Amino acid sequence: MGVDQRVRTWANAYNRDGYVGGVPILTEVEAQEHRAGLEWAESQLGASMHYKSKAHTILTSPYKLATHPLMLDLIEALIGPDILLYNVTYIIKEPGSTSHVSWHQDLTYWGLSHDDQVSAWLALSPADEESGCMRMLPGSHANGVMSHETTEDDDNVLLQGQTVLGVDESQAKLCPLRPGEASFHHGWTLHASMPNKSKDRRIGLNIQYLAAHVRQTKHDLDTAMLVRGEDNFGHFCIDTPAESDLDPVAVQRQIELEQRHVEIAGTA
């Protein structure tokens, strides 16, 4: 099956179920190399890169992955040819961690004007039932936005612990990924994940793509970058991709961008 046919098949599954998993982007060796780059950066920073926004502005690896041609081919099939890269962040569950993600929809508090958005999740280590891979509720994207409650839960990875209650978990499907595979889900698709009970870190690169016409409704200071096609709208300030790893000026800028992201996504 050629690349174009595979992309159409994945896009059809996504449109039907609100997500598609097991999309091969990298070899396992390549995934290991990108993981090594992440863990080198963590050693230099003296801290985990978990949930740090705009990772592609300070590290070359996440930028390369977010702009991988096959990633963008599938995104184009889903939201059109004019693609903005909105955010890239590592989501890491340490071995034996009690961290989890409650049932939620990505777009709930992001303040975006439209739902022409795709969340990609690229595995850099095994993501399976033991390590707490994502669970998806097929077809839930068709219901649009659902009511969320904010919760106080230190183990919940989400900024507000936002949770959709009353989910029929018997309908949920596991979305396991081998290193180098990716999943893609719609912003209204209900998904969750459980703690990591394995002996390895569960590392995923989370990438957020928008169609160029989407804008931020909370203020006019949000940032993104064009990665394919044209931006005829100019709704966002422009992010700068990393040209080297951990450039001091870029690192300082990333701190400011992360604070701005928390102000946006961390408020209803």
C-alpha atoms as a PDB file:
ATOM      1  CA  MET A   1       0.000   0.000   0.000  1.00  0.00           C
ATOM      2  CA  GLY A   2       1.453   3.370  -1.040  1.00  0.00           C
ATOM      3  CA  VAL A   3       1.875   6.337   1.280  1.00  0.00           C
ATOM      4  CA  ASP A   4      -1.125   8.200  -0.165  1.00  0.00           C
ATOM      5  CA  GLN A   5      -3.428   5.200   0.311  1.00  0.00           C
ATOM      6  CA  ARG A   6      -2.162   4.641   3.854  1.00  0.00           C
ATOM      7  CA  VAL A   7      -2.825   8.290   4.695  1.00  0.00           C
ATOM      8  CA  ARG A   8      -6.371   8.012   3.324  1.00  0.00           C
ATOM      9  CA  THR A   9      -6.957   4.848   5.363  1.00  0.00           C
ATOM     10  CA  TRP A  10      -5.718   6.503   8.565  1.00  0.00           C
ATOM     11  CA  ALA A  11      -7.770   9.632   7.844  1.00  0.00           C
ATOM     12  CA  ASN A  12     -10.910   7.551   7.322  1.00  0.00           C
ATOM     13  CA  ALA A  13     -10.398   5.802  10.667  1.00  0.00           C
ATOM     14  CA  TYR A  14      -9.813   9.158  12.374  1.00  0.00           C
ATOM     15  CA  ASN A  15     -12.955  10.694  10.888  1.00  0.00           C
ATOM     16  CA  ARG A  16     -15.022   7.671  11.918  1.00  0.00           C
ATOM     17  CA  ASP A  17     -13.670   7.110  15.452  1.00  0.00           C
ATOM     18  CA  GLY A  18     -12.184  10.480  16.377  1.00  0.00           C
ATOM     19  CA  TYR A  19      -8.719   8.970  16.537  1.00  0.00           C
ATOM     20  CA  VAL A  20      -6.302   6.625  14.814  1.00  0.00           C
ATOM     21  CA  GLY A  21      -3.370   4.816  16.417  1.00  0.00           C
ATOM     22  CA  GLY A  22      -0.395   2.719  15.438  1.00  0.00           C
ATOM     23  CA  VAL A  23       0.787   5.048  12.669  1.00  0.00           C
ATOM     24  CA  PRO A  24       4.471   4.209  11.981  1.00  0.00           C
ATOM     25  CA  ILE A  25       6.539   7.389  11.841  1.00  0.00           C
ATOM     26  CA  LEU A  26       9.997   6.285  13.035  1.00  0.00           C
ATOM     27  CA  THR A  27      11.912   3.065  13.397  1.00  0.00           C
ATOM     28  CA  GLU A  28      12.502   1.922  16.970  1.00  0.00           C
ATOM     29  CA  VAL A  29      16.179   2.842  16.574  1.00  0.00           C
ATOM     30  CA  GLU A  30      15.234   6.368  15.507  1.00  0.00           C
ATOM     31  CA  ALA A  31      12.834   6.641  18.431  1.00  0.00           C
ATOM     32  CA  GLN A  32      15.641   5.598  20.792  1.00  0.00           C
ATOM     33  CA  GLU A  33      17.888   8.295  19.302  1.00  0.00           C
ATOM     34  CA  HIS A  34      15.250  10.971  19.872  1.00  0.00           C
ATOM     35  CA  ARG A  35      14.689   9.692  23.408  1.00  0.00           C
ATOM     36  CA  ALA A  36      18.438   9.964  24.039  1.00  0.00           C
ATOM     37  CA  GLY A  37      18.321  13.573  22.852  1.00  0.00           C
ATOM     38  CA  LEU A  38      15.508  14.331  25.284  1.00  0.00           C
ATOM     39  CA  GLU A  39      17.297  12.715  28.206  1.00  0.00           C
ATOM     40  CA  TRP A  40      20.519  14.559  27.358  1.00  0.00           C
ATOM     41  CA  ALA A  41      18.562  17.819  27.511  1.00  0.00           C
ATOM     42  CA  GLU A  42      17.112  16.832  30.876  1.00  0.00           C
ATOM     43  CA  SER A  43      20.619  16.155  32.184  1.00  0.00           C
ATOM     44  CA  GLN A  44      21.713  19.613  31.033  1.00  0.00           C
ATOM     45  CA  LEU A  45      18.690  21.332  32.546  1.00  0.00           C
ATOM     46  CA  GLY A  46      18.767  19.298  35.739  1.00  0.00           C
ATOM     47  CA  ALA A  47      15.018  18.735  35.465  1.00  0.00           C
ATOM     48  CA  SER A  48      12.428  16.669  33.644  1.00  0.00           C
ATOM     49  CA  MET A  49      11.035  18.011  30.382  1.00  0.00           C
ATOM     50  CA  HIS A  50       7.612  16.673  31.344  1.00  0.00           C
ATOM     51  CA  TYR A  51       4.817  19.017  30.252  1.00  0.00           C
ATOM     52  CA  LYS A  52       7.118  21.907  29.331  1.00  0.00           C
ATOM     53  CA  SER A  53       5.404  23.850  26.564  1.00  0.00           C
ATOM     54  CA  LYS A  54       6.989  24.877  23.266  1.00  0.00           C
ATOM     55  CA  ALA A  55       9.747  22.243  23.458  1.00  0.00           C
ATOM     56  CA  HIS A  56      10.327  22.718  19.720  1.00  0.00           C
ATOM     57  CA  THR A  57      11.631  26.234  20.353  1.00  0.00           C
ATOM     58  CA  ILE A  58      14.553  25.014  22.494  1.00  0.00           C
ATOM     59  CA  LEU A  59      15.313  21.533  21.117  1.00  0.00           C
ATOM     60  CA  THR A  60      15.826  20.483  17.504  1.00  0.00           C
ATOM     61  CA  SER A  61      14.521  16.923  17.992  1.00  0.00           C
ATOM     62  CA  PRO A  62      10.872  17.794  18.772  1.00  0.00           C
ATOM     63  CA  TYR A  63      10.824  20.318  15.939  1.00  0.00           C
ATOM     64  CA  LYS A  64      12.069  17.689  13.477  1.00  0.00           C
ATOM     65  CA  LEU A  65       9.467  15.206  14.695  1.00  0.00           C
ATOM     66  CA  ALA A  66       6.599  17.698  14.578  1.00  0.00           C
ATOM     67  CA  THR A  67       7.476  18.580  10.974  1.00  0.00           C
ATOM     68  CA  HIS A  68       8.121  15.013   9.805  1.00  0.00           C
ATOM     69  CA  PRO A  69       6.633  14.782   6.279  1.00  0.00           C
ATOM     70  CA  LEU A  70       4.406  11.809   7.097  1.00  0.00           C
ATOM     71  CA  MET A  71       3.041  13.576  10.183  1.00  0.00           C
ATOM     72  CA  LEU A  72       2.180  16.627   8.099  1.00  0.00           C
ATOM     73  CA  ASP A  73       0.720  14.531   5.264  1.00  0.00           C
ATOM     74  CA  LEU A  74      -1.810  13.030   7.654  1.00  0.00           C
ATOM     75  CA  ILE A  75      -2.531  16.362   9.336  1.00  0.00           C
ATOM     76  CA  GLU A  76      -3.174  17.899   5.913  1.00  0.00           C
ATOM     77  CA  ALA A  77      -5.650  15.113   5.141  1.00  0.00           C
ATOM     78  CA  LEU A  78      -7.463  15.937   8.387  1.00  0.00           C
ATOM     79  CA  ILE A  79      -7.549  19.749   8.576  1.00  0.00           C
ATOM     80  CA  GLY A  80      -6.356  21.010   5.202  1.00  0.00           C
ATOM     81  CA  PRO A  81      -3.132  22.264   3.602  1.00  0.00           C
ATOM     82  CA  ASP A  82      -2.480  25.339   5.770  1.00  0.00           C
ATOM     83  CA  ILE A  83      -1.081  24.034   9.046  1.00  0.00           C
ATOM     84  CA  LEU A  84       0.068  25.818  12.187  1.00  0.00           C
ATOM     85  CA  LEU A  85       2.204  24.122  14.812  1.00  0.00           C
ATOM     86  CA  TYR A  86       0.660  25.317  18.065  1.00  0.00           C
ATOM     87  CA  ASN A  87       2.492  23.451  20.803  1.00  0.00           C
ATOM     88  CA  VAL A  88       4.899  20.569  21.374  1.00  0.00           C
ATOM     89  CA  THR A  89       5.469  19.048  24.789  1.00  0.00           C
ATOM     90  CA  TYR A  90       6.780  15.810  26.244  1.00  0.00           C
ATOM     91  CA  ILE A  91       4.350  13.893  28.432  1.00  0.00           C
ATOM     92  CA  ILE A  92       6.350  11.599  30.686  1.00  0.00           C
ATOM     93  CA  LYS A  93       5.189   9.084  33.268  1.00  0.00           C
ATOM     94  CA  GLU A  94       8.030   7.880  35.433  1.00  0.00           C
ATOM     95  CA  PRO A  95       8.178   4.154  36.287  1.00  0.00           C
ATOM     96  CA  GLY A  96       5.887   3.342  39.166  1.00  0.00           C
ATOM     97  CA  SER A  97       4.355   6.806  39.004  1.00  0.00           C
ATOM     98  CA  THR A  98       0.801   7.349  40.227  1.00  0.00           C
ATOM     99  CA  SER A  99       0.246  10.043  37.597  1.00  0.00           C
ATOM    100  CA  HIS A 100      -2.845   9.613  35.474  1.00  0.00           C
ATOM    101  CA  VAL A 101      -5.005  11.590  33.070  1.00  0.00           C
ATOM    102  CA  SER A 102      -8.757  11.777  33.684  1.00  0.00           C
ATOM    103  CA  TRP A 103     -11.409  11.522  30.979  1.00  0.00           C
ATOM    104  CA  HIS A 104     -11.339  14.825  29.130  1.00  0.00           C
ATOM    105  CA  GLN A 105     -11.405  16.628  25.798  1.00  0.00           C
ATOM    106  CA  ASP A 106      -8.301  18.572  24.764  1.00  0.00           C
ATOM    107  CA  LEU A 107     -10.040  21.712  23.519  1.00  0.00           C
ATOM    108  CA  THR A 108     -12.038  22.449  26.667  1.00  0.00           C
ATOM    109  CA  TYR A 109     -10.092  25.437  28.019  1.00  0.00           C
ATOM    110  CA  TRP A 110      -7.779  26.349  25.158  1.00  0.00           C
ATOM    111  CA  GLY A 111      -9.813  29.326  23.986  1.00  0.00           C
ATOM    112  CA  LEU A 112      -9.613  28.417  20.308  1.00  0.00           C
ATOM    113  CA  SER A 113     -12.209  29.726  17.876  1.00  0.00           C
ATOM    114  CA  HIS A 114     -12.655  26.505  15.874  1.00  0.00           C
ATOM    115  CA  ASP A 115     -12.111  22.788  16.367  1.00  0.00           C
ATOM    116  CA  ASP A 116      -9.927  22.322  13.273  1.00  0.00           C
ATOM    117  CA  GLN A 117      -7.222  20.910  15.540  1.00  0.00           C
ATOM    118  CA  VAL A 118      -5.410  17.594  15.853  1.00  0.00           C
ATOM    119  CA  SER A 119      -3.470  16.214  18.814  1.00  0.00           C
ATOM    120  CA  ALA A 120      -0.652  13.847  17.829  1.00  0.00           C
ATOM    121  CA  TRP A 121       1.128  11.598  20.339  1.00  0.00           C
ATOM    122  CA  LEU A 122       4.431  10.062  19.213  1.00  0.00           C
ATOM    123  CA  ALA A 123       5.824   7.283  21.425  1.00  0.00           C
ATOM    124  CA  LEU A 124       9.523   7.379  22.303  1.00  0.00           C
ATOM    125  CA  SER A 125       9.179   4.394  24.656  1.00  0.00           C
ATOM    126  CA  PRO A 126       6.628   1.584  24.846  1.00  0.00           C
ATOM    127  CA  ALA A 127       3.106   2.827  25.562  1.00  0.00           C
ATOM    128  CA  ASP A 128       0.946  -0.131  26.519  1.00  0.00           C
ATOM    129  CA  GLU A 129      -1.580  -1.113  29.166  1.00  0.00           C
ATOM    130  CA  GLU A 130       1.137  -1.674  31.783  1.00  0.00           C
ATOM    131  CA  SER A 131       2.799   1.695  31.180  1.00  0.00           C
ATOM    132  CA  GLY A 132      -0.489   3.600  31.093  1.00  0.00           C
ATOM    133  CA  CYS A 133      -1.172   4.141  27.398  1.00  0.00           C
ATOM    134  CA  MET A 134      -4.084   6.281  26.310  1.00  0.00           C
ATOM    135  CA  ARG A 135      -7.645   5.008  26.285  1.00  0.00           C
ATOM    136  CA  MET A 136     -10.044   6.445  23.733  1.00  0.00           C
ATOM    137  CA  LEU A 137     -13.830   6.522  23.514  1.00  0.00           C
ATOM    138  CA  PRO A 138     -14.517   5.872  19.806  1.00  0.00           C
ATOM    139  CA  GLY A 139     -16.971   8.234  18.175  1.00  0.00           C
ATOM    140  CA  SER A 140     -17.126  10.618  21.140  1.00  0.00           C
ATOM    141  CA  HIS A 141     -15.810  13.492  19.001  1.00  0.00           C
ATOM    142  CA  ALA A 142     -19.186  13.595  17.254  1.00  0.00           C
ATOM    143  CA  ASN A 143     -20.847  14.793  20.471  1.00  0.00           C
ATOM    144  CA  GLY A 144     -18.988  18.099  20.499  1.00  0.00           C
ATOM    145  CA  VAL A 145     -17.966  19.825  23.721  1.00  0.00           C
ATOM    146  CA  MET A 146     -19.004  18.127  26.957  1.00  0.00           C
ATOM    147  CA  SER A 147     -19.291  19.449  30.498  1.00  0.00           C
ATOM    148  CA  HIS A 148     -16.090  19.171  32.552  1.00  0.00           C
ATOM    149  CA  GLU A 149     -15.587  19.515  36.274  1.00  0.00           C
ATOM    150  CA  THR A 150     -12.364  20.869  37.736  1.00  0.00           C
ATOM    151  CA  THR A 151     -10.874  18.657  40.430  1.00  0.00           C
ATOM    152  CA  GLU A 152      -8.154  18.832  43.060  1.00  0.00           C
ATOM    153  CA  ASP A 153      -5.964  15.827  42.286  1.00  0.00           C
ATOM    154  CA  ASP A 154      -2.192  16.123  42.539  1.00  0.00           C
ATOM    155  CA  ASP A 155      -1.769  12.935  40.494  1.00  0.00           C
ATOM    156  CA  ASN A 156      -3.796  14.252  37.564  1.00  0.00           C
ATOM    157  CA  VAL A 157      -1.467  15.526  34.843  1.00  0.00           C
ATOM    158  CA  LEU A 158      -4.037  18.045  33.547  1.00  0.00           C
ATOM    159  CA  LEU A 159      -3.645  21.665  34.650  1.00  0.00           C
ATOM    160  CA  GLN A 160      -7.124  21.890  36.154  1.00  0.00           C
ATOM    161  CA  GLY A 161      -7.735  18.207  36.702  1.00  0.00           C
ATOM    162  CA  GLN A 162     -10.603  18.674  34.250  1.00  0.00           C
ATOM    163  CA  THR A 163     -12.821  15.594  34.171  1.00  0.00           C
ATOM    164  CA  VAL A 164     -15.887  14.394  32.309  1.00  0.00           C
ATOM    165  CA  LEU A 165     -17.976  12.333  34.718  1.00  0.00           C
ATOM    166  CA  GLY A 166     -20.194   9.368  33.936  1.00  0.00           C
ATOM    167  CA  VAL A 167     -18.111   7.991  31.056  1.00  0.00           C
ATOM    168  CA  ASP A 168     -19.097   4.450  30.035  1.00  0.00           C
ATOM    169  CA  GLU A 169     -15.651   2.913  30.306  1.00  0.00           C
ATOM    170  CA  SER A 170     -16.884  -0.397  28.901  1.00  0.00           C
ATOM    171  CA  GLN A 171     -16.848   1.339  25.502  1.00  0.00           C
ATOM    172  CA  ALA A 172     -13.239   2.547  25.855  1.00  0.00           C
ATOM    173  CA  LYS A 173     -10.459   1.205  23.660  1.00  0.00           C
ATOM    174  CA  LEU A 174      -6.768   0.996  24.514  1.00  0.00           C
ATOM    175  CA  CYS A 175      -4.442   2.820  22.117  1.00  0.00           C
ATOM    176  CA  PRO A 176      -1.067   1.080  22.554  1.00  0.00           C
ATOM    177  CA  LEU A 177       1.972   2.335  20.657  1.00  0.00           C
ATOM    178  CA  ARG A 178       5.410   0.909  20.036  1.00  0.00           C
ATOM    179  CA  PRO A 179       8.376   3.299  20.066  1.00  0.00           C
ATOM    180  CA  GLY A 180       8.210   5.281  16.824  1.00  0.00           C
ATOM    181  CA  GLU A 181       4.447   4.901  16.363  1.00  0.00           C
ATOM    182  CA  ALA A 182       1.995   7.777  16.707  1.00  0.00           C
ATOM    183  CA  SER A 183      -1.666   8.287  17.424  1.00  0.00           C
ATOM    184  CA  PHE A 184      -3.803  11.225  16.308  1.00  0.00           C
ATOM    185  CA  HIS A 185      -7.028  12.344  17.969  1.00  0.00           C
ATOM    186  CA  HIS A 186      -9.649  15.050  17.554  1.00  0.00           C
ATOM    187  CA  GLY A 187      -9.965  17.818  20.131  1.00  0.00           C
ATOM    188  CA  TRP A 188     -13.423  16.580  21.204  1.00  0.00           C
ATOM    189  CA  THR A 189     -12.447  12.903  21.495  1.00  0.00           C
ATOM    190  CA  LEU A 190     -12.768  11.698  25.084  1.00  0.00           C
ATOM    191  CA  HIS A 191      -9.543  10.094  26.267  1.00  0.00           C
ATOM    192  CA  ALA A 192      -7.738   9.192  29.462  1.00  0.00           C
ATOM    193  CA  SER A 193      -4.785   7.169  30.734  1.00  0.00           C
ATOM    194  CA  MET A 194      -3.822   5.211  33.819  1.00  0.00           C
ATOM    195  CA  PRO A 195      -0.622   5.195  35.954  1.00  0.00           C
ATOM    196  CA  ASN A 196       2.633   3.701  34.698  1.00  0.00           C
ATOM    197  CA  LYS A 197       3.136   0.328  36.381  1.00  0.00           C
ATOM    198  CA  SER A 198       6.123  -0.619  34.229  1.00  0.00           C
ATOM    199  CA  LYS A 199       9.823  -0.318  35.034  1.00  0.00           C
ATOM    200  CA  ASP A 200      10.533   2.145  32.224  1.00  0.00           C
ATOM    201  CA  ARG A 201       9.593   5.760  31.624  1.00  0.00           C
ATOM    202  CA  ARG A 202       6.558   6.187  29.394  1.00  0.00           C
ATOM    203  CA  ILE A 203       7.615   9.003  27.074  1.00  0.00           C
ATOM    204  CA  GLY A 204       5.411  10.565  24.441  1.00  0.00           C
ATOM    205  CA  LEU A 205       5.828  13.687  22.365  1.00  0.00           C
ATOM    206  CA  ASN A 206       2.501  15.518  22.265  1.00  0.00           C
ATOM    207  CA  ILE A 207       2.043  17.790  19.242  1.00  0.00           C
ATOM    208  CA  GLN A 208      -0.809  20.213  18.625  1.00  0.00           C
ATOM    209  CA  TYR A 209      -1.691  21.288  15.083  1.00  0.00           C
ATOM    210  CA  LEU A 210      -4.222  23.909  13.998  1.00  0.00           C
ATOM    211  CA  ALA A 211      -5.715  24.974  10.699  1.00  0.00           C
ATOM    212  CA  ALA A 212      -4.461  28.464   9.839  1.00  0.00           C
ATOM    213  CA  HIS A 213      -7.865  30.144  10.254  1.00  0.00           C
ATOM    214  CA  VAL A 214      -8.110  29.164  13.939  1.00  0.00           C
ATOM    215  CA  ARG A 215      -7.514  32.000  16.402  1.00  0.00           C
ATOM    216  CA  GLN A 216      -7.117  32.476  20.137  1.00  0.00           C
ATOM    217  CA  THR A 217     -10.171  34.110  21.712  1.00  0.00           C
ATOM    218  CA  LYS A 218      -8.757  34.846  25.170  1.00  0.00           C
ATOM    219  CA  HIS A 219      -6.161  37.402  24.033  1.00  0.00           C
ATOM    220  CA  ASP A 220      -3.982  38.257  21.042  1.00  0.00           C
ATOM    221  CA  LEU A 221      -0.583  37.231  22.471  1.00  0.00           C
ATOM    222  CA  ASP A 222      -0.708  33.488  21.782  1.00  0.00           C
ATOM    223  CA  THR A 223       1.940  31.971  19.505  1.00  0.00           C
ATOM    224  CA  ALA A 224       2.256  29.363  16.767  1.00  0.00           C
ATOM    225  CA  MET A 225       4.277  28.752  13.611  1.00  0.00           C
ATOM    226  CA  LEU A 226       3.398  27.860  10.046  1.00  0.00           C
ATOM    227  CA  VAL A 227       4.742  24.419   9.082  1.00  0.00           C
ATOM    228  CA  ARG A 228       2.926  23.789   5.789  1.00  0.00           C
ATOM    229  CA  GLY A 229       0.957  25.848   3.286  1.00  0.00           C
ATOM    230  CA  GLU A 230       0.136  29.523   3.830  1.00  0.00           C
ATOM    231  CA  ASP A 231      -1.039  31.642   6.733  1.00  0.00           C
ATOM    232  CA  ASN A 232      -3.362  34.258   5.292  1.00  0.00           C
ATOM    233  CA  PHE A 233      -4.786  35.202   8.693  1.00  0.00           C
ATOM    234  CA  GLY A 234      -1.899  36.117  11.019  1.00  0.00           C
ATOM    235  CA  HIS A 235      -3.884  35.376  14.172  1.00  0.00           C
ATOM    236  CA  PHE A 236      -0.822  34.318  16.187  1.00  0.00           C
ATOM    237  CA  CYS A 237       2.520  35.779  17.145  1.00  0.00           C
ATOM    238  CA  ILE A 238       5.227  33.682  15.536  1.00  0.00           C
ATOM    239  CA  ASP A 239       7.252  31.036  17.379  1.00  0.00           C
ATOM    240  CA  THR A 240      10.878  30.488  16.339  1.00  0.00           C
ATOM    241  CA  PRO A 241      11.999  26.871  15.853  1.00  0.00           C
ATOM    242  CA  ALA A 242      15.149  25.702  17.604  1.00  0.00           C
ATOM    243  CA  GLU A 243      18.222  25.922  15.391  1.00  0.00           C
ATOM    244  CA  SER A 244      20.413  24.453  18.140  1.00  0.00           C
ATOM    245  CA  ASP A 245      19.759  22.748  21.445  1.00  0.00           C
ATOM    246  CA  LEU A 246      19.208  24.791  24.604  1.00  0.00           C
ATOM    247  CA  ASP A 247      20.281  28.158  23.262  1.00  0.00           C
ATOM    248  CA  PRO A 248      20.164  30.405  26.368  1.00  0.00           C
ATOM    249  CA  VAL A 249      18.047  33.098  24.712  1.00  0.00           C
ATOM    250  CA  ALA A 250      15.567  30.482  23.452  1.00  0.00           C
ATOM    251  CA  VAL A 251      15.422  28.829  26.876  1.00  0.00           C
ATOM    252  CA  GLN A 252      14.529  32.120  28.530  1.00  0.00           C
ATOM    253  CA  ARG A 253      11.891  32.787  25.896  1.00  0.00           C
ATOM    254  CA  GLN A 254      10.436  29.304  26.417  1.00  0.00           C
ATOM    255  CA  ILE A 255       9.918  30.057  30.104  1.00  0.00           C
ATOM    256  CA  GLU A 256       7.846  33.103  29.143  1.00  0.00           C
ATOM    257  CA  LEU A 257       5.880  31.127  26.551  1.00  0.00           C
ATOM    258  CA  GLU A 258       5.133  28.373  29.051  1.00  0.00           C
ATOM    259  CA  GLN A 259       3.832  30.877  31.587  1.00  0.00           C
ATOM    260  CA  ARG A 260       1.550  32.299  28.887  1.00  0.00           C
ATOM    261  CA  HIS A 261       0.329  28.820  27.964  1.00  0.00           C
ATOM    262  CA  VAL A 262      -0.525  28.039  31.581  1.00  0.00           C
ATOM    263  CA  GLU A 263      -2.443  31.314  31.800  1.00  0.00           C
ATOM    264  CA  ILE A 264      -4.478  30.258  28.751  1.00  0.00           C
ATOM    265  CA  ALA A 265      -5.027  26.536  29.338  1.00  0.00           C
ATOM    266  CA  GLY A 266      -5.146  26.797  33.117  1.00  0.00           C
ATOM    267  CA  THR A 267      -8.192  29.048  33.208  1.00  0.00           C
ATOM    268  CA  ALA A 268     -11.759  28.297  32.204  1.00  0.00           C
END
